[in-house]
Amino acid sequence: MPSGDLFAPLAPKLVAETQALIEARCEPATHGDPRTWQHDVNLLRDGKPDAQEKPWLEWADISCLDSGWRQKLVVQIDTFRSQLRVDGVTIVEDPEHPESWTRDMRLQWWDADAEA
């Protein structure tokens, strides 16, 4: 088990503070993008880390990724006109579901100073 120093705090939750738009879609855009959330997306912005009883996306959306039917899944968080200065991002998995797909992910961000 990793030491406690490796775990970042869950606050502040900048998605909650900025009321960011959060969208899931497959790229390239196919098959009726964006994907439909299975919960009210405001639950991602409520500042609470509680896991939901069922997944956020349909299993068919996840199981078809990189299958030829659908490509990669992109979760985009847009804070509109708010620029955030962050030094880390915490992804939280539900310990009740070790099959979580967040173990195979890539994080990309926009750097306004570098315009890249």
Protein backbone atom coordinates (compact mmCIF):
# COMPACT_ATOMS: atom_id res chain seq x y z
CA MET A 1 0.00 0.00 0.00
CA PRO A 2 1.43 3.42 -0.92
CA SER A 3 2.29 5.86 1.84
CA GLY A 4 -0.18 8.63 2.69
CA ASP A 5 2.19 11.18 1.11
CA LEU A 6 1.24 9.93 -2.35
CA PHE A 7 -2.43 10.79 -2.00
CA ALA A 8 -3.53 14.32 -2.85
CA PRO A 9 -6.42 15.98 -1.02
CA LEU A 10 -9.81 15.98 -2.74
CA ALA A 11 -10.30 19.70 -2.11
CA PRO A 12 -10.48 22.21 -3.57
CA LYS A 13 -12.59 20.68 -6.32
CA LEU A 14 -12.03 23.13 -9.17
CA VAL A 15 -14.71 21.49 -11.31
CA ALA A 16 -17.19 22.51 -8.61
CA GLU A 17 -15.78 26.02 -8.15
CA THR A 18 -15.87 26.86 -11.88
CA GLN A 19 -19.08 24.95 -12.71
CA ALA A 20 -17.15 23.51 -15.65
CA LEU A 21 -18.83 21.81 -18.59
CA ILE A 22 -18.04 18.08 -18.51
CA GLU A 23 -18.59 16.03 -21.66
CA ALA A 24 -17.73 12.46 -22.69
CA ARG A 25 -17.38 11.62 -26.38
CA CYS A 26 -15.65 9.19 -28.68
CA GLU A 27 -13.01 10.47 -31.09
CA PRO A 28 -13.14 10.80 -33.93
CA ALA A 29 -16.79 11.81 -33.49
CA THR A 30 -19.02 8.89 -34.43
CA HIS A 31 -22.17 7.12 -33.33
CA GLY A 32 -24.16 10.01 -31.88
CA ASP A 33 -21.59 11.87 -29.82
CA PRO A 34 -21.48 13.09 -27.11
CA ARG A 35 -22.05 10.01 -24.97
CA THR A 36 -24.96 10.19 -22.50
CA TRP A 37 -24.19 10.42 -18.78
CA GLN A 38 -26.13 7.90 -16.68
CA HIS A 39 -26.33 10.37 -13.78
CA ASP A 40 -27.00 14.08 -13.46
CA VAL A 41 -23.68 15.66 -14.50
CA ASN A 42 -24.13 18.19 -11.66
CA LEU A 43 -23.11 15.37 -9.29
CA LEU A 44 -19.57 15.80 -10.69
CA ARG A 45 -19.69 19.47 -9.71
CA ASP A 46 -21.25 19.13 -6.25
CA GLY A 47 -17.92 18.99 -4.40
CA LYS A 48 -18.58 15.52 -2.95
CA PRO A 49 -16.35 12.51 -3.73
CA ASP A 50 -19.15 9.94 -3.29
CA ALA A 51 -19.29 7.15 -5.87
CA GLN A 52 -22.58 6.43 -7.65
CA GLU A 53 -24.24 3.00 -7.53
CA LYS A 54 -23.85 2.43 -11.28
CA PRO A 55 -21.27 3.61 -13.83
CA TRP A 56 -21.37 7.07 -15.38
CA LEU A 57 -21.49 5.69 -18.93
CA GLU A 58 -23.29 2.76 -20.51
CA TRP A 59 -21.24 -0.42 -20.52
CA ALA A 60 -21.74 -0.61 -24.31
CA ASP A 61 -19.96 2.74 -24.66
CA ILE A 62 -16.97 1.50 -22.65
CA SER A 63 -16.78 -2.03 -24.07
CA CYS A 64 -16.76 -0.76 -27.69
CA LEU A 65 -13.78 1.57 -27.22
CA ASP A 66 -10.92 0.91 -29.64
CA SER A 67 -12.95 -1.93 -31.14
CA GLY A 68 -13.34 -0.53 -34.64
CA TRP A 69 -16.91 0.50 -33.81
CA ARG A 70 -15.76 3.36 -31.59
CA GLN A 71 -12.38 4.94 -31.04
CA LYS A 72 -10.94 6.44 -27.85
CA LEU A 73 -13.12 7.98 -25.17
CA VAL A 74 -12.47 11.62 -24.31
CA VAL A 75 -13.76 13.28 -21.16
CA GLN A 76 -13.44 17.03 -21.70
CA ILE A 77 -13.65 19.53 -18.86
CA ASP A 78 -14.14 23.10 -20.05
CA THR A 79 -13.94 25.90 -17.47
CA PHE A 80 -15.09 28.54 -19.98
CA ARG A 81 -13.27 31.80 -19.38
CA SER A 82 -11.68 30.66 -16.11
CA GLN A 83 -7.98 29.96 -16.24
CA LEU A 84 -6.85 27.51 -13.60
CA ARG A 85 -3.35 27.14 -12.27
CA VAL A 86 -2.98 23.61 -10.96
CA ASP A 87 -0.01 21.50 -9.97
CA GLY A 88 -1.83 18.19 -9.89
CA VAL A 89 -5.02 16.36 -10.76
CA THR A 90 -6.52 13.67 -8.55
CA ILE A 91 -8.46 10.83 -10.18
CA VAL A 92 -10.46 8.86 -7.63
CA GLU A 93 -11.52 5.28 -8.21
CA ASP A 94 -14.26 3.48 -6.33
CA PRO A 95 -12.57 0.74 -4.23
CA GLU A 96 -15.73 -1.34 -4.65
CA HIS A 97 -15.03 -1.54 -8.40
CA PRO A 98 -11.41 -2.50 -9.05
CA GLU A 99 -12.23 -3.07 -12.74
CA SER A 100 -12.23 0.70 -13.22
CA TRP A 101 -11.11 1.91 -16.64
CA THR A 102 -9.26 4.94 -15.28
CA ARG A 103 -6.07 2.89 -15.01
CA ASP A 104 -5.54 3.22 -18.76
CA MET A 105 -5.75 6.92 -19.44
CA ARG A 106 -3.79 9.90 -20.74
CA LEU A 107 -4.17 13.41 -19.37
CA GLN A 108 -3.87 16.37 -21.74
CA TRP A 109 -4.35 20.04 -20.93
CA TRP A 110 -4.26 23.43 -22.58
CA ASP A 111 -1.42 25.74 -21.59
CA ALA A 112 -2.61 29.29 -22.33
CA ASP A 113 0.90 30.80 -22.07
CA ALA A 114 2.36 28.32 -24.57
CA GLU A 115 -0.86 28.27 -26.65
CA ALA A 116 -0.46 24.51 -26.86
